[in-house]
């Protein structure tokens, strides 16, 4: 893995671009109405090691790096 991105004073990761090739779309079509809100949601991996959902502009949402 590459170098881990910096962390803000509040503990959030400063990276907003996913690692190339790790973006995936969740297919929750057959899980029923309870989980239908997950269908079509896009996820990508951050260099800090966490998998985070993406915004409309394909940026990572604000997240905290995993605890070590």
C-alpha atoms as a PDB file:
ATOM      1  CA  UNK A   1       0.000   0.000   0.000  1.00  0.00           C
ATOM      2  CA  UNK A   2       0.967   3.584  -0.525  1.00  0.00           C
ATOM      3  CA  UNK A   3       1.717   6.065   2.198  1.00  0.00           C
ATOM      4  CA  UNK A   4      -1.232   6.735   4.512  1.00  0.00           C
ATOM      5  CA  UNK A   5      -2.905  10.138   4.070  1.00  0.00           C
ATOM      6  CA  UNK A   6      -2.798  12.796   6.755  1.00  0.00           C
ATOM      7  CA  UNK A   7      -5.424  13.063   9.493  1.00  0.00           C
ATOM      8  CA  UNK A   8      -7.114  16.312  10.600  1.00  0.00           C
ATOM      9  CA  UNK A   9      -7.216  17.509  14.193  1.00  0.00           C
ATOM     10  CA  UNK A  10     -10.692  15.953  14.582  1.00  0.00           C
ATOM     11  CA  UNK A  11      -9.476  12.535  13.404  1.00  0.00           C
ATOM     12  CA  UNK A  12     -10.830  12.552   9.836  1.00  0.00           C
ATOM     13  CA  UNK A  13      -8.848  11.353   6.822  1.00  0.00           C
ATOM     14  CA  UNK A  14      -7.835  14.159   4.422  1.00  0.00           C
ATOM     15  CA  UNK A  15      -7.945  12.013   1.279  1.00  0.00           C
ATOM     16  CA  UNK A  16     -10.981  12.338  -1.011  1.00  0.00           C
ATOM     17  CA  UNK A  17      -9.970  10.315  -4.086  1.00  0.00           C
ATOM     18  CA  UNK A  18     -10.396   6.525  -4.141  1.00  0.00           C
ATOM     19  CA  UNK A  19      -7.592   4.152  -5.123  1.00  0.00           C
ATOM     20  CA  UNK A  20      -7.873   3.522  -8.902  1.00  0.00           C
ATOM     21  CA  UNK A  21      -9.486   0.181  -9.718  1.00  0.00           C
ATOM     22  CA  UNK A  22     -11.225  -0.285  -6.358  1.00  0.00           C
ATOM     23  CA  UNK A  23     -14.554   1.422  -7.153  1.00  0.00           C
ATOM     24  CA  UNK A  24     -17.472  -1.023  -7.109  1.00  0.00           C
ATOM     25  CA  UNK A  25     -21.262  -0.808  -7.235  1.00  0.00           C
ATOM     26  CA  UNK A  26     -23.381  -2.787  -4.765  1.00  0.00           C
ATOM     27  CA  UNK A  27     -26.118  -4.959  -6.268  1.00  0.00           C
ATOM     28  CA  UNK A  28     -28.774  -5.282  -3.553  1.00  0.00           C
ATOM     29  CA  UNK A  29     -31.690  -5.780  -5.923  1.00  0.00           C
ATOM     30  CA  UNK A  30     -32.694  -9.180  -4.535  1.00  0.00           C
ATOM     31  CA  UNK A  31     -32.344  -8.375  -0.829  1.00  0.00           C
ATOM     32  CA  UNK A  32     -35.885  -7.039  -0.520  1.00  0.00           C
ATOM     33  CA  UNK A  33     -37.331  -3.634   0.353  1.00  0.00           C
ATOM     34  CA  UNK A  34     -35.563  -3.384   3.718  1.00  0.00           C
ATOM     35  CA  UNK A  35     -32.123  -3.088   2.086  1.00  0.00           C
ATOM     36  CA  UNK A  36     -33.094  -1.590  -1.273  1.00  0.00           C
ATOM     37  CA  UNK A  37     -31.462   1.735  -0.309  1.00  0.00           C
ATOM     38  CA  UNK A  38     -28.098  -0.025  -0.742  1.00  0.00           C
ATOM     39  CA  UNK A  39     -28.768  -0.904  -4.396  1.00  0.00           C
ATOM     40  CA  UNK A  40     -26.602   1.024  -6.829  1.00  0.00           C
ATOM     41  CA  UNK A  41     -24.476   2.607  -4.108  1.00  0.00           C
ATOM     42  CA  UNK A  42     -20.845   3.000  -5.119  1.00  0.00           C
ATOM     43  CA  UNK A  43     -17.911   2.207  -2.825  1.00  0.00           C
ATOM     44  CA  UNK A  44     -14.181   2.796  -3.154  1.00  0.00           C
ATOM     45  CA  UNK A  45     -11.082   2.117  -1.083  1.00  0.00           C
ATOM     46  CA  UNK A  46      -9.057   4.847   0.561  1.00  0.00           C
ATOM     47  CA  UNK A  47      -5.251   4.526   0.893  1.00  0.00           C
ATOM     48  CA  UNK A  48      -5.792   4.622   4.688  1.00  0.00           C
ATOM     49  CA  UNK A  49      -7.349   1.139   4.395  1.00  0.00           C
ATOM     50  CA  UNK A  50     -11.067   1.906   4.778  1.00  0.00           C
ATOM     51  CA  UNK A  51     -13.805   1.215   2.230  1.00  0.00           C
ATOM     52  CA  UNK A  52     -16.092   4.250   1.940  1.00  0.00           C
ATOM     53  CA  UNK A  53     -19.142   5.145  -0.145  1.00  0.00           C
ATOM     54  CA  UNK A  54     -18.709   7.708  -2.908  1.00  0.00           C
ATOM     55  CA  UNK A  55     -20.441  11.035  -3.511  1.00  0.00           C
ATOM     56  CA  UNK A  56     -22.064  11.983  -6.819  1.00  0.00           C
ATOM     57  CA  UNK A  57     -18.752  13.454  -7.984  1.00  0.00           C
ATOM     58  CA  UNK A  58     -16.904  10.160  -7.298  1.00  0.00           C
ATOM     59  CA  UNK A  59     -15.132  11.521  -4.229  1.00  0.00           C
ATOM     60  CA  UNK A  60     -14.890   9.625  -0.964  1.00  0.00           C
ATOM     61  CA  UNK A  61     -17.206  10.715   1.820  1.00  0.00           C
ATOM     62  CA  UNK A  62     -15.677  12.134   4.990  1.00  0.00           C
ATOM     63  CA  UNK A  63     -14.397   9.266   7.085  1.00  0.00           C
ATOM     64  CA  UNK A  64     -12.053   8.347   9.886  1.00  0.00           C
ATOM     65  CA  UNK A  65      -9.170   5.935   9.262  1.00  0.00           C
ATOM     66  CA  UNK A  66      -9.425   2.470  10.837  1.00  0.00           C
ATOM     67  CA  UNK A  67      -8.134   2.093  14.373  1.00  0.00           C
ATOM     68  CA  UNK A  68      -4.852   0.209  14.689  1.00  0.00           C
END
